[in-house]
Amino acid sequence: MNRAAARALAWAAVALGLLATLALYQRPDFLVSLADQLWSCF
C-alpha cells in the first residue's frame, strides 16, 4: 500500500468516526443511558 492510499484510508476512518458520533447525538436516549452508566461507576 502506498502512502497516498494509506492517507486516504486514514481520512476515511476519521470521517466514519465523526459520522458515527454525529449519528449517536441524534439519539438523546442513548446519550442519557451512556451518561447514567458512566455515573454509576462513581
N, C-alpha and C. Protein backbone atom coordinates (compact mmCIF):
# COMPACT_ATOMS: atom_id res chain seq x y z
N MET A 1 0.86 -1.17 0.00
CA MET A 1 0.00 0.00 0.00
C MET A 1 0.90 1.24 0.00
N ASN A 2 0.64 2.10 -0.93
CA ASN A 2 1.48 3.29 -0.99
C ASN A 2 0.99 4.34 0.01
N ARG A 3 1.75 5.41 0.11
CA ARG A 3 1.49 6.44 1.12
C ARG A 3 0.15 7.15 0.88
N ALA A 4 -0.18 7.41 -0.38
CA ALA A 4 -1.43 8.11 -0.69
C ALA A 4 -2.64 7.26 -0.31
N ALA A 5 -2.57 5.97 -0.57
CA ALA A 5 -3.68 5.09 -0.23
C ALA A 5 -3.84 4.98 1.28
N ALA A 6 -2.75 4.90 2.00
CA ALA A 6 -2.82 4.82 3.46
C ALA A 6 -3.39 6.11 4.03
N ARG A 7 -3.01 7.22 3.45
CA ARG A 7 -3.52 8.51 3.92
C ARG A 7 -5.02 8.64 3.65
N ALA A 8 -5.46 8.20 2.47
CA ALA A 8 -6.88 8.23 2.14
C ALA A 8 -7.67 7.32 3.07
N LEU A 9 -7.12 6.17 3.39
CA LEU A 9 -7.79 5.24 4.30
C LEU A 9 -7.90 5.84 5.69
N ALA A 10 -6.87 6.53 6.14
CA ALA A 10 -6.90 7.17 7.45
C ALA A 10 -7.97 8.26 7.48
N TRP A 11 -8.06 9.07 6.44
CA TRP A 11 -9.07 10.12 6.38
C TRP A 11 -10.47 9.52 6.34
N ALA A 12 -10.63 8.42 5.63
CA ALA A 12 -11.94 7.76 5.58
C ALA A 12 -12.34 7.23 6.97
N ALA A 13 -11.38 6.70 7.71
CA ALA A 13 -11.66 6.21 9.06
C ALA A 13 -12.05 7.35 9.99
N VAL A 14 -11.36 8.47 9.87
CA VAL A 14 -11.70 9.65 10.69
C VAL A 14 -13.10 10.14 10.35
N ALA A 15 -13.41 10.24 9.07
CA ALA A 15 -14.74 10.70 8.65
C ALA A 15 -15.82 9.74 9.14
N LEU A 16 -15.58 8.45 9.08
CA LEU A 16 -16.55 7.47 9.55
C LEU A 16 -16.76 7.61 11.06
N GLY A 17 -15.70 7.83 11.80
CA GLY A 17 -15.82 8.03 13.24
C GLY A 17 -16.62 9.27 13.58
N LEU A 18 -16.40 10.35 12.85
CA LEU A 18 -17.16 11.58 13.08
C LEU A 18 -18.64 11.40 12.73
N LEU A 19 -18.91 10.70 11.65
CA LEU A 19 -20.31 10.45 11.28
C LEU A 19 -21.01 9.56 12.30
N ALA A 20 -20.30 8.59 12.84
CA ALA A 20 -20.89 7.72 13.86
C ALA A 20 -21.20 8.53 15.12
N THR A 21 -20.31 9.43 15.50
CA THR A 21 -20.56 10.29 16.66
C THR A 21 -21.76 11.18 16.42
N LEU A 22 -21.85 11.76 15.24
CA LEU A 22 -22.99 12.61 14.91
C LEU A 22 -24.30 11.81 14.94
N ALA A 23 -24.26 10.59 14.46
CA ALA A 23 -25.46 9.75 14.47
C ALA A 23 -25.91 9.46 15.90
N LEU A 24 -24.96 9.26 16.82
CA LEU A 24 -25.34 9.00 18.21
C LEU A 24 -25.93 10.23 18.86
N TYR A 25 -25.49 11.42 18.47
CA TYR A 25 -26.05 12.64 19.03
C TYR A 25 -27.49 12.86 18.57
N GLN A 26 -27.92 12.19 17.53
CA GLN A 26 -29.30 12.29 17.07
C GLN A 26 -30.24 11.43 17.92
N ARG A 27 -29.65 10.62 18.81
CA ARG A 27 -30.45 9.75 19.68
C ARG A 27 -30.19 10.14 21.14
N PRO A 28 -30.92 11.11 21.68
CA PRO A 28 -30.64 11.58 23.04
C PRO A 28 -30.83 10.49 24.10
N ASP A 29 -31.73 9.54 23.87
CA ASP A 29 -31.94 8.48 24.86
C ASP A 29 -30.68 7.64 25.04
N PHE A 30 -29.93 7.45 23.97
CA PHE A 30 -28.67 6.70 24.08
C PHE A 30 -27.67 7.48 24.91
N LEU A 31 -27.59 8.79 24.69
CA LEU A 31 -26.63 9.60 25.44
C LEU A 31 -26.98 9.66 26.93
N VAL A 32 -28.26 9.72 27.25
CA VAL A 32 -28.67 9.72 28.65
C VAL A 32 -28.31 8.38 29.28
N SER A 33 -28.56 7.31 28.56
CA SER A 33 -28.21 5.98 29.06
C SER A 33 -26.70 5.85 29.28
N LEU A 34 -25.94 6.36 28.34
CA LEU A 34 -24.48 6.31 28.47
C LEU A 34 -24.00 7.12 29.66
N ALA A 35 -24.57 8.30 29.86
CA ALA A 35 -24.20 9.13 31.00
C ALA A 35 -24.57 8.46 32.31
N ASP A 36 -25.74 7.81 32.36
CA ASP A 36 -26.13 7.10 33.58
C ASP A 36 -25.18 5.96 33.89
N GLN A 37 -24.77 5.23 32.87
CA GLN A 37 -23.82 4.13 33.09
C GLN A 37 -22.46 4.66 33.55
N LEU A 38 -22.06 5.78 33.02
CA LEU A 38 -20.78 6.36 33.43
C LEU A 38 -20.83 6.81 34.88
N TRP A 39 -21.90 7.49 35.26
CA TRP A 39 -22.01 7.99 36.64
C TRP A 39 -22.19 6.86 37.64
N SER A 40 -22.73 5.72 37.21
CA SER A 40 -22.91 4.63 38.15
C SER A 40 -21.58 3.99 38.56
N CYS A 41 -20.52 4.31 37.83
CA CYS A 41 -19.19 3.79 38.18
C CYS A 41 -18.59 4.52 39.38
N PHE A 42 -19.11 5.70 39.70
CA PHE A 42 -18.50 6.52 40.77
C PHE A 42 -19.30 6.51 42.03
